[in-house]
Amino acid sequence: MPEEAHITVPLLERALALEPDYGLAHDYLGWCFEVLFVRGRLDPEIAAAAVRHAHAAITHGRDDATALGLAGFVISLVVHDPPRSRPSNPHWR
């Protein structure tokens, strides 16, 4: 899954360069960064990007239930349930 996120990030960044107010694109980009953070390197810069795009999705997609739900999902996983706080669990991935 992180491999797919690496492929998707530049495409979504390009979409946002064309239309910066596209809430769902911010959402999916935030989700990609969440995947890279949780299943990848636990880099705080990646976590910050995930949260930044989730907040942008809330701002620009406030009338889109999918955008709001996915933004909440990303924020809950990155901010309120960071991987470092989980006990070692061989089944977690």
PDB file of N, CA and C in Angstrom:
ATOM      1  N   MET A   1       0.800  -1.200   0.000  1.00  0.00           N
ATOM      2  CA  MET A   1       0.000   0.000   0.000  1.00  0.00           C
ATOM      3  C   MET A   1       0.850   1.274   0.000  1.00  0.00           C
ATOM      4  N   PRO A   2       1.973   1.324   0.750  1.00  0.00           N
ATOM      5  CA  PRO A   2       2.803   2.532   0.655  1.00  0.00           C
ATOM      6  C   PRO A   2       3.348   2.757  -0.757  1.00  0.00           C
ATOM      7  N   GLU A   3       3.574   1.670  -1.498  1.00  0.00           N
ATOM      8  CA  GLU A   3       4.080   1.835  -2.859  1.00  0.00           C
ATOM      9  C   GLU A   3       3.079   2.592  -3.721  1.00  0.00           C
ATOM     10  N   GLU A   4       1.795   2.233  -3.578  1.00  0.00           N
ATOM     11  CA  GLU A   4       0.750   2.912  -4.340  1.00  0.00           C
ATOM     12  C   GLU A   4       0.620   4.374  -3.913  1.00  0.00           C
ATOM     13  N   ALA A   5       0.786   4.628  -2.621  1.00  0.00           N
ATOM     14  CA  ALA A   5       0.699   6.006  -2.122  1.00  0.00           C
ATOM     15  C   ALA A   5       1.823   6.852  -2.718  1.00  0.00           C
ATOM     16  N   HIS A   6       3.009   6.278  -2.826  1.00  0.00           N
ATOM     17  CA  HIS A   6       4.131   7.018  -3.432  1.00  0.00           C
ATOM     18  C   HIS A   6       3.826   7.390  -4.879  1.00  0.00           C
ATOM     19  N   ILE A   7       3.137   6.507  -5.592  1.00  0.00           N
ATOM     20  CA  ILE A   7       2.772   6.786  -6.985  1.00  0.00           C
ATOM     21  C   ILE A   7       1.695   7.865  -7.052  1.00  0.00           C
ATOM     22  N   THR A   8       0.752   7.836  -6.108  1.00  0.00           N
ATOM     23  CA  THR A   8      -0.412   8.711  -6.142  1.00  0.00           C
ATOM     24  C   THR A   8      -0.108  10.137  -5.699  1.00  0.00           C
ATOM     25  N   VAL A   9       0.821  10.314  -4.767  1.00  0.00           N
ATOM     26  CA  VAL A   9       1.108  11.643  -4.214  1.00  0.00           C
ATOM     27  C   VAL A   9       1.410  12.673  -5.309  1.00  0.00           C
ATOM     28  N   PRO A  10       2.331  12.432  -6.237  1.00  0.00           N
ATOM     29  CA  PRO A  10       2.604  13.470  -7.238  1.00  0.00           C
ATOM     30  C   PRO A  10       1.409  13.767  -8.145  1.00  0.00           C
ATOM     31  N   LEU A  11       0.575  12.768  -8.399  1.00  0.00           N
ATOM     32  CA  LEU A  11      -0.604  12.999  -9.238  1.00  0.00           C
ATOM     33  C   LEU A  11      -1.599  13.916  -8.532  1.00  0.00           C
ATOM     34  N   LEU A  12      -1.820  13.668  -7.244  1.00  0.00           N
ATOM     35  CA  LEU A  12      -2.737  14.523  -6.488  1.00  0.00           C
ATOM     36  C   LEU A  12      -2.171  15.922  -6.298  1.00  0.00           C
ATOM     37  N   GLU A  13      -0.862  16.010  -6.096  1.00  0.00           N
ATOM     38  CA  GLU A  13      -0.242  17.341  -5.980  1.00  0.00           C
ATOM     39  C   GLU A  13      -0.417  18.126  -7.281  1.00  0.00           C
ATOM     40  N   ARG A  14      -0.323  17.443  -8.401  1.00  0.00           N
ATOM     41  CA  ARG A  14      -0.532  18.103  -9.692  1.00  0.00           C
ATOM     42  C   ARG A  14      -1.979  18.556  -9.836  1.00  0.00           C
ATOM     43  N   ALA A  15      -2.918  17.707  -9.398  1.00  0.00           N
ATOM     44  CA  ALA A  15      -4.338  18.089  -9.456  1.00  0.00           C
ATOM     45  C   ALA A  15      -4.596  19.315  -8.596  1.00  0.00           C
ATOM     46  N   LEU A  16      -3.979  19.369  -7.419  1.00  0.00           N
ATOM     47  CA  LEU A  16      -4.181  20.509  -6.530  1.00  0.00           C
ATOM     48  C   LEU A  16      -3.489  21.768  -7.049  1.00  0.00           C
ATOM     49  N   ALA A  17      -2.437  21.605  -7.827  1.00  0.00           N
ATOM     50  CA  ALA A  17      -1.811  22.777  -8.439  1.00  0.00           C
ATOM     51  C   ALA A  17      -2.773  23.418  -9.444  1.00  0.00           C
ATOM     52  N   LEU A  18      -3.595  22.587 -10.083  1.00  0.00           N
ATOM     53  CA  LEU A  18      -4.578  23.086 -11.042  1.00  0.00           C
ATOM     54  C   LEU A  18      -5.836  23.618 -10.358  1.00  0.00           C
ATOM     55  N   GLU A  19      -6.234  22.953  -9.272  1.00  0.00           N
ATOM     56  CA  GLU A  19      -7.456  23.346  -8.568  1.00  0.00           C
ATOM     57  C   GLU A  19      -7.228  23.237  -7.058  1.00  0.00           C
ATOM     58  N   PRO A  20      -6.641  24.263  -6.436  1.00  0.00           N
ATOM     59  CA  PRO A  20      -6.251  24.206  -5.021  1.00  0.00           C
ATOM     60  C   PRO A  20      -7.413  24.084  -4.037  1.00  0.00           C
ATOM     61  N   ASP A  21      -8.625  24.371  -4.457  1.00  0.00           N
ATOM     62  CA  ASP A  21      -9.777  24.299  -3.558  1.00  0.00           C
ATOM     63  C   ASP A  21     -10.543  22.980  -3.660  1.00  0.00           C
ATOM     64  N   TYR A  22      -9.971  21.997  -4.299  1.00  0.00           N
ATOM     65  CA  TYR A  22     -10.635  20.710  -4.496  1.00  0.00           C
ATOM     66  C   TYR A  22     -10.484  19.879  -3.213  1.00  0.00           C
ATOM     67  N   GLY A  23     -11.529  19.884  -2.392  1.00  0.00           N
ATOM     68  CA  GLY A  23     -11.489  19.254  -1.082  1.00  0.00           C
ATOM     69  C   GLY A  23     -11.181  17.772  -1.110  1.00  0.00           C
ATOM     70  N   LEU A  24     -11.811  17.036  -2.019  1.00  0.00           N
ATOM     71  CA  LEU A  24     -11.592  15.597  -2.051  1.00  0.00           C
ATOM     72  C   LEU A  24     -10.159  15.248  -2.462  1.00  0.00           C
ATOM     73  N   ALA A  25      -9.549  16.052  -3.322  1.00  0.00           N
ATOM     74  CA  ALA A  25      -8.142  15.811  -3.679  1.00  0.00           C
ATOM     75  C   ALA A  25      -7.251  16.022  -2.460  1.00  0.00           C
ATOM     76  N   HIS A  26      -7.549  17.047  -1.650  1.00  0.00           N
ATOM     77  CA  HIS A  26      -6.807  17.230  -0.398  1.00  0.00           C
ATOM     78  C   HIS A  26      -6.984  16.013   0.502  1.00  0.00           C
ATOM     79  N   ASP A  27      -8.200  15.497   0.549  1.00  0.00           N
ATOM     80  CA  ASP A  27      -8.480  14.327   1.371  1.00  0.00           C
ATOM     81  C   ASP A  27      -7.644  13.127   0.966  1.00  0.00           C
ATOM     82  N   TYR A  28      -7.694  12.811  -0.318  1.00  0.00           N
ATOM     83  CA  TYR A  28      -6.950  11.641  -0.778  1.00  0.00           C
ATOM     84  C   TYR A  28      -5.440  11.828  -0.613  1.00  0.00           C
ATOM     85  N   LEU A  29      -4.969  13.049  -0.767  1.00  0.00           N
ATOM     86  CA  LEU A  29      -3.552  13.314  -0.545  1.00  0.00           C
ATOM     87  C   LEU A  29      -3.218  13.141   0.940  1.00  0.00           C
ATOM     88  N   GLY A  30      -4.089  13.644   1.806  1.00  0.00           N
ATOM     89  CA  GLY A  30      -3.895  13.433   3.241  1.00  0.00           C
ATOM     90  C   GLY A  30      -3.889  11.960   3.601  1.00  0.00           C
ATOM     91  N   TRP A  31      -4.763  11.199   2.965  1.00  0.00           N
ATOM     92  CA  TRP A  31      -4.829   9.762   3.222  1.00  0.00           C
ATOM     93  C   TRP A  31      -3.552   9.077   2.745  1.00  0.00           C
ATOM     94  N   CYS A  32      -3.040   9.484   1.593  1.00  0.00           N
ATOM     95  CA  CYS A  32      -1.768   8.921   1.121  1.00  0.00           C
ATOM     96  C   CYS A  32      -0.655   9.197   2.126  1.00  0.00           C
ATOM     97  N   PHE A  33      -0.596  10.434   2.635  1.00  0.00           N
ATOM     98  CA  PHE A  33       0.430  10.758   3.625  1.00  0.00           C
ATOM     99  C   PHE A  33       0.208   9.974   4.918  1.00  0.00           C
ATOM    100  N   GLU A  34      -1.050   9.732   5.286  1.00  0.00           N
ATOM    101  CA  GLU A  34      -1.331   8.918   6.474  1.00  0.00           C
ATOM    102  C   GLU A  34      -0.782   7.512   6.282  1.00  0.00           C
ATOM    103  N   VAL A  35      -0.999   6.938   5.107  1.00  0.00           N
ATOM    104  CA  VAL A  35      -0.488   5.598   4.802  1.00  0.00           C
ATOM    105  C   VAL A  35       1.036   5.589   4.878  1.00  0.00           C
ATOM    106  N   LEU A  36       1.662   6.597   4.282  1.00  0.00           N
ATOM    107  CA  LEU A  36       3.125   6.669   4.313  1.00  0.00           C
ATOM    108  C   LEU A  36       3.642   6.847   5.732  1.00  0.00           C
ATOM    109  N   PHE A  37       2.909   7.574   6.556  1.00  0.00           N
ATOM    110  CA  PHE A  37       3.319   7.790   7.945  1.00  0.00           C
ATOM    111  C   PHE A  37       3.135   6.523   8.777  1.00  0.00           C
ATOM    112  N   VAL A  38       1.934   5.970   8.761  1.00  0.00           N
ATOM    113  CA  VAL A  38       1.612   4.833   9.636  1.00  0.00           C
ATOM    114  C   VAL A  38       2.324   3.567   9.186  1.00  0.00           C
ATOM    115  N   ARG A  39       2.377   3.334   7.897  1.00  0.00           N
ATOM    116  CA  ARG A  39       2.964   2.084   7.399  1.00  0.00           C
ATOM    117  C   ARG A  39       4.377   2.281   6.870  1.00  0.00           C
ATOM    118  N   GLY A  40       4.887   3.471   7.082  1.00  0.00           N
ATOM    119  CA  GLY A  40       6.205   3.785   6.547  1.00  0.00           C
ATOM    120  C   GLY A  40       7.184   4.192   7.616  1.00  0.00           C
ATOM    121  N   ARG A  41       7.696   5.385   7.494  1.00  0.00           N
ATOM    122  CA  ARG A  41       8.835   5.808   8.293  1.00  0.00           C
ATOM    123  C   ARG A  41       8.495   6.532   9.581  1.00  0.00           C
ATOM    124  N   LEU A  42       7.252   6.837   9.849  1.00  0.00           N
ATOM    125  CA  LEU A  42       6.854   7.609  11.038  1.00  0.00           C
ATOM    126  C   LEU A  42       7.539   8.977  11.059  1.00  0.00           C
ATOM    127  N   ASP A  43       7.691   9.558   9.894  1.00  0.00           N
ATOM    128  CA  ASP A  43       8.323  10.865   9.752  1.00  0.00           C
ATOM    129  C   ASP A  43       7.328  11.952  10.167  1.00  0.00           C
ATOM    130  N   PRO A  44       7.693  12.804  11.134  1.00  0.00           N
ATOM    131  CA  PRO A  44       6.765  13.849  11.586  1.00  0.00           C
ATOM    132  C   PRO A  44       6.355  14.822  10.483  1.00  0.00           C
ATOM    133  N   GLU A  45       7.210  15.037   9.480  1.00  0.00           N
ATOM    134  CA  GLU A  45       6.841  15.918   8.372  1.00  0.00           C
ATOM    135  C   GLU A  45       5.721  15.302   7.532  1.00  0.00           C
ATOM    136  N   ILE A  46       5.750  13.999   7.373  1.00  0.00           N
ATOM    137  CA  ILE A  46       4.687  13.317   6.639  1.00  0.00           C
ATOM    138  C   ILE A  46       3.389  13.387   7.433  1.00  0.00           C
ATOM    139  N   ALA A  47       3.477  13.215   8.744  1.00  0.00           N
ATOM    140  CA  ALA A  47       2.283  13.331   9.594  1.00  0.00           C
ATOM    141  C   ALA A  47       1.693  14.729   9.495  1.00  0.00           C
ATOM    142  N   ALA A  48       2.542  15.746   9.514  1.00  0.00           N
ATOM    143  CA  ALA A  48       2.073  17.126   9.417  1.00  0.00           C
ATOM    144  C   ALA A  48       1.392  17.373   8.072  1.00  0.00           C
ATOM    145  N   ALA A  49       1.927  16.798   7.003  1.00  0.00           N
ATOM    146  CA  ALA A  49       1.307  16.960   5.681  1.00  0.00           C
ATOM    147  C   ALA A  49      -0.054  16.281   5.641  1.00  0.00           C
ATOM    148  N   ALA A  50      -0.166  15.106   6.258  1.00  0.00           N
ATOM    149  CA  ALA A  50      -1.449  14.401   6.300  1.00  0.00           C
ATOM    150  C   ALA A  50      -2.499  15.253   6.997  1.00  0.00           C
ATOM    151  N   VAL A  51      -2.148  15.814   8.138  1.00  0.00           N
ATOM    152  CA  VAL A  51      -3.093  16.625   8.912  1.00  0.00           C
ATOM    153  C   VAL A  51      -3.401  17.934   8.188  1.00  0.00           C
ATOM    154  N   ARG A  52      -2.402  18.531   7.587  1.00  0.00           N
ATOM    155  CA  ARG A  52      -2.616  19.789   6.851  1.00  0.00           C
ATOM    156  C   ARG A  52      -3.621  19.586   5.709  1.00  0.00           C
ATOM    157  N   HIS A  53      -3.471  18.495   4.968  1.00  0.00           N
ATOM    158  CA  HIS A  53      -4.391  18.242   3.858  1.00  0.00           C
ATOM    159  C   HIS A  53      -5.768  17.818   4.366  1.00  0.00           C
ATOM    160  N   ALA A  54      -5.829  17.128   5.485  1.00  0.00           N
ATOM    161  CA  ALA A  54      -7.136  16.784   6.058  1.00  0.00           C
ATOM    162  C   ALA A  54      -7.886  18.052   6.457  1.00  0.00           C
ATOM    163  N   HIS A  55      -7.189  18.997   7.067  1.00  0.00           N
ATOM    164  CA  HIS A  55      -7.826  20.264   7.433  1.00  0.00           C
ATOM    165  C   HIS A  55      -8.239  21.060   6.190  1.00  0.00           C
ATOM    166  N   ALA A  56      -7.427  21.004   5.142  1.00  0.00           N
ATOM    167  CA  ALA A  56      -7.790  21.682   3.894  1.00  0.00           C
ATOM    168  C   ALA A  56      -9.038  21.034   3.288  1.00  0.00           C
ATOM    169  N   ALA A  57      -9.143  19.717   3.418  1.00  0.00           N
ATOM    170  CA  ALA A  57     -10.329  19.028   2.909  1.00  0.00           C
ATOM    171  C   ALA A  57     -11.583  19.459   3.664  1.00  0.00           C
ATOM    172  N   ILE A  58     -11.447  19.657   4.972  1.00  0.00           N
ATOM    173  CA  ILE A  58     -12.580  20.128   5.761  1.00  0.00           C
ATOM    174  C   ILE A  58     -12.966  21.544   5.328  1.00  0.00           C
ATOM    175  N   THR A  59     -11.978  22.376   5.104  1.00  0.00           N
ATOM    176  CA  THR A  59     -12.237  23.753   4.691  1.00  0.00           C
ATOM    177  C   THR A  59     -12.894  23.820   3.313  1.00  0.00           C
ATOM    178  N   HIS A  60     -12.354  23.074   2.356  1.00  0.00           N
ATOM    179  CA  HIS A  60     -12.819  23.187   0.975  1.00  0.00           C
ATOM    180  C   HIS A  60     -13.922  22.190   0.626  1.00  0.00           C
ATOM    181  N   GLY A  61     -14.130  21.198   1.458  1.00  0.00           N
ATOM    182  CA  GLY A  61     -15.138  20.189   1.153  1.00  0.00           C
ATOM    183  C   GLY A  61     -16.211  20.093   2.211  1.00  0.00           C
ATOM    184  N   ARG A  62     -16.539  21.208   2.825  1.00  0.00           N
ATOM    185  CA  ARG A  62     -17.479  21.186   3.955  1.00  0.00           C
ATOM    186  C   ARG A  62     -18.881  20.729   3.570  1.00  0.00           C
ATOM    187  N   ASP A  63     -19.204  20.713   2.276  1.00  0.00           N
ATOM    188  CA  ASP A  63     -20.505  20.220   1.848  1.00  0.00           C
ATOM    189  C   ASP A  63     -20.420  18.803   1.257  1.00  0.00           C
ATOM    190  N   ASP A  64     -19.284  18.150   1.445  1.00  0.00           N
ATOM    191  CA  ASP A  64     -19.047  16.808   0.902  1.00  0.00           C
ATOM    192  C   ASP A  64     -18.841  15.840   2.063  1.00  0.00           C
ATOM    193  N   ALA A  65     -19.810  14.960   2.273  1.00  0.00           N
ATOM    194  CA  ALA A  65     -19.745  14.024   3.402  1.00  0.00           C
ATOM    195  C   ALA A  65     -18.536  13.102   3.316  1.00  0.00           C
ATOM    196  N   THR A  66     -18.175  12.693   2.115  1.00  0.00           N
ATOM    197  CA  THR A  66     -17.000  11.827   1.959  1.00  0.00           C
ATOM    198  C   THR A  66     -15.738  12.561   2.370  1.00  0.00           C
ATOM    199  N   ALA A  67     -15.615  13.798   1.940  1.00  0.00           N
ATOM    200  CA  ALA A  67     -14.438  14.596   2.297  1.00  0.00           C
ATOM    201  C   ALA A  67     -14.349  14.773   3.810  1.00  0.00           C
ATOM    202  N   LEU A  68     -15.462  15.070   4.443  1.00  0.00           N
ATOM    203  CA  LEU A  68     -15.453  15.279   5.895  1.00  0.00           C
ATOM    204  C   LEU A  68     -15.137  13.982   6.647  1.00  0.00           C
ATOM    205  N   GLY A  69     -15.733  12.893   6.199  1.00  0.00           N
ATOM    206  CA  GLY A  69     -15.481  11.608   6.862  1.00  0.00           C
ATOM    207  C   GLY A  69     -14.043  11.152   6.731  1.00  0.00           C
ATOM    208  N   LEU A  70     -13.495  11.265   5.531  1.00  0.00           N
ATOM    209  CA  LEU A  70     -12.114  10.836   5.307  1.00  0.00           C
ATOM    210  C   LEU A  70     -11.131  11.743   6.046  1.00  0.00           C
ATOM    211  N   ALA A  71     -11.433  13.033   6.098  1.00  0.00           N
ATOM    212  CA  ALA A  71     -10.566  13.955   6.846  1.00  0.00           C
ATOM    213  C   ALA A  71     -10.547  13.582   8.331  1.00  0.00           C
ATOM    214  N   GLY A  72     -11.717  13.274   8.882  1.00  0.00           N
ATOM    215  CA  GLY A  72     -11.775  12.851  10.278  1.00  0.00           C
ATOM    216  C   GLY A  72     -11.015  11.563  10.515  1.00  0.00           C
ATOM    217  N   PHE A  73     -11.099  10.641   9.568  1.00  0.00           N
ATOM    218  CA  PHE A  73     -10.371   9.375   9.655  1.00  0.00           C
ATOM    219  C   PHE A  73      -8.865   9.616   9.707  1.00  0.00           C
ATOM    220  N   VAL A  74      -8.370  10.453   8.800  1.00  0.00           N
ATOM    221  CA  VAL A  74      -6.935  10.745   8.748  1.00  0.00           C
ATOM    222  C   VAL A  74      -6.473  11.420  10.035  1.00  0.00           C
ATOM    223  N   ILE A  75      -7.216  12.423  10.479  1.00  0.00           N
ATOM    224  CA  ILE A  75      -6.830  13.133  11.708  1.00  0.00           C
ATOM    225  C   ILE A  75      -6.853  12.193  12.903  1.00  0.00           C
ATOM    226  N   SER A  76      -7.861  11.334  12.980  1.00  0.00           N
ATOM    227  CA  SER A  76      -7.940  10.426  14.137  1.00  0.00           C
ATOM    228  C   SER A  76      -6.770   9.461  14.171  1.00  0.00           C
ATOM    229  N   LEU A  77      -6.339   8.974  13.018  1.00  0.00           N
ATOM    230  CA  LEU A  77      -5.225   8.022  13.006  1.00  0.00           C
ATOM    231  C   LEU A  77      -3.877   8.684  13.247  1.00  0.00           C
ATOM    232  N   VAL A  78      -3.689   9.858  12.695  1.00  0.00           N
ATOM    233  CA  VAL A  78      -2.374  10.501  12.804  1.00  0.00           C
ATOM    234  C   VAL A  78      -2.216  11.256  14.118  1.00  0.00           C
ATOM    235  N   VAL A  79      -3.260  11.957  14.545  1.00  0.00           N
ATOM    236  CA  VAL A  79      -3.154  12.811  15.731  1.00  0.00           C
ATOM    237  C   VAL A  79      -3.557  12.084  17.006  1.00  0.00           C
ATOM    238  N   HIS A  80      -4.688  11.388  16.954  1.00  0.00           N
ATOM    239  CA  HIS A  80      -5.241  10.822  18.180  1.00  0.00           C
ATOM    240  C   HIS A  80      -4.853   9.369  18.428  1.00  0.00           C
ATOM    241  N   ASP A  81      -4.255   8.715  17.451  1.00  0.00           N
ATOM    242  CA  ASP A  81      -3.850   7.318  17.615  1.00  0.00           C
ATOM    243  C   ASP A  81      -2.534   7.074  16.891  1.00  0.00           C
ATOM    244  N   PRO A  82      -1.505   7.861  17.244  1.00  0.00           N
ATOM    245  CA  PRO A  82      -0.239   7.705  16.517  1.00  0.00           C
ATOM    246  C   PRO A  82       0.359   6.321  16.741  1.00  0.00           C
ATOM    247  N   PRO A  83       1.023   5.790  15.720  1.00  0.00           N
ATOM    248  CA  PRO A  83       1.587   4.445  15.814  1.00  0.00           C
ATOM    249  C   PRO A  83       2.545   4.252  16.979  1.00  0.00           C
ATOM    250  N   ARG A  84       3.254   5.301  17.381  1.00  0.00           N
ATOM    251  CA  ARG A  84       4.200   5.140  18.480  1.00  0.00           C
ATOM    252  C   ARG A  84       3.508   4.784  19.792  1.00  0.00           C
ATOM    253  N   SER A  85       2.229   5.149  19.922  1.00  0.00           N
ATOM    254  CA  SER A  85       1.532   4.897  21.174  1.00  0.00           C
ATOM    255  C   SER A  85       0.936   3.503  21.233  1.00  0.00           C
ATOM    256  N   ARG A  86       0.969   2.777  20.129  1.00  0.00           N
ATOM    257  CA  ARG A  86       0.400   1.429  20.119  1.00  0.00           C
ATOM    258  C   ARG A  86       1.415   0.444  20.677  1.00  0.00           C
ATOM    259  N   PRO A  87       0.945  -0.529  21.437  1.00  0.00           N
ATOM    260  CA  PRO A  87       1.869  -1.575  21.873  1.00  0.00           C
ATOM    261  C   PRO A  87       2.300  -2.407  20.672  1.00  0.00           C
ATOM    262  N   SER A  88       3.425  -3.052  20.808  1.00  0.00           N
ATOM    263  CA  SER A  88       3.876  -3.917  19.721  1.00  0.00           C
ATOM    264  C   SER A  88       2.840  -5.002  19.496  1.00  0.00           C
ATOM    265  N   ASN A  89       2.411  -5.131  18.278  1.00  0.00           N
ATOM    266  CA  ASN A  89       1.382  -6.099  17.935  1.00  0.00           C
ATOM    267  C   ASN A  89       1.735  -6.655  16.562  1.00  0.00           C
ATOM    268  N   PRO A  90       2.050  -7.946  16.495  1.00  0.00           N
ATOM    269  CA  PRO A  90       2.444  -8.522  15.209  1.00  0.00           C
ATOM    270  C   PRO A  90       1.311  -8.501  14.183  1.00  0.00           C
ATOM    271  N   HIS A  91       0.062  -8.315  14.619  1.00  0.00           N
ATOM    272  CA  HIS A  91      -1.072  -8.305  13.707  1.00  0.00           C
ATOM    273  C   HIS A  91      -1.382  -6.923  13.174  1.00  0.00           C
ATOM    274  N   TRP A  92      -0.761  -5.892  13.773  1.00  0.00           N
ATOM    275  CA  TRP A  92      -1.012  -4.527  13.313  1.00  0.00           C
ATOM    276  C   TRP A  92      -0.206  -4.264  12.067  1.00  0.00           C
ATOM    277  N   ARG A  93      -0.820  -3.747  11.065  1.00  0.00           N
ATOM    278  CA  ARG A  93      -0.132  -3.335   9.840  1.00  0.00           C
ATOM    279  C   ARG A  93      -1.012  -2.441   9.062  1.00  0.00           C
TER     280      ARG A  93
END
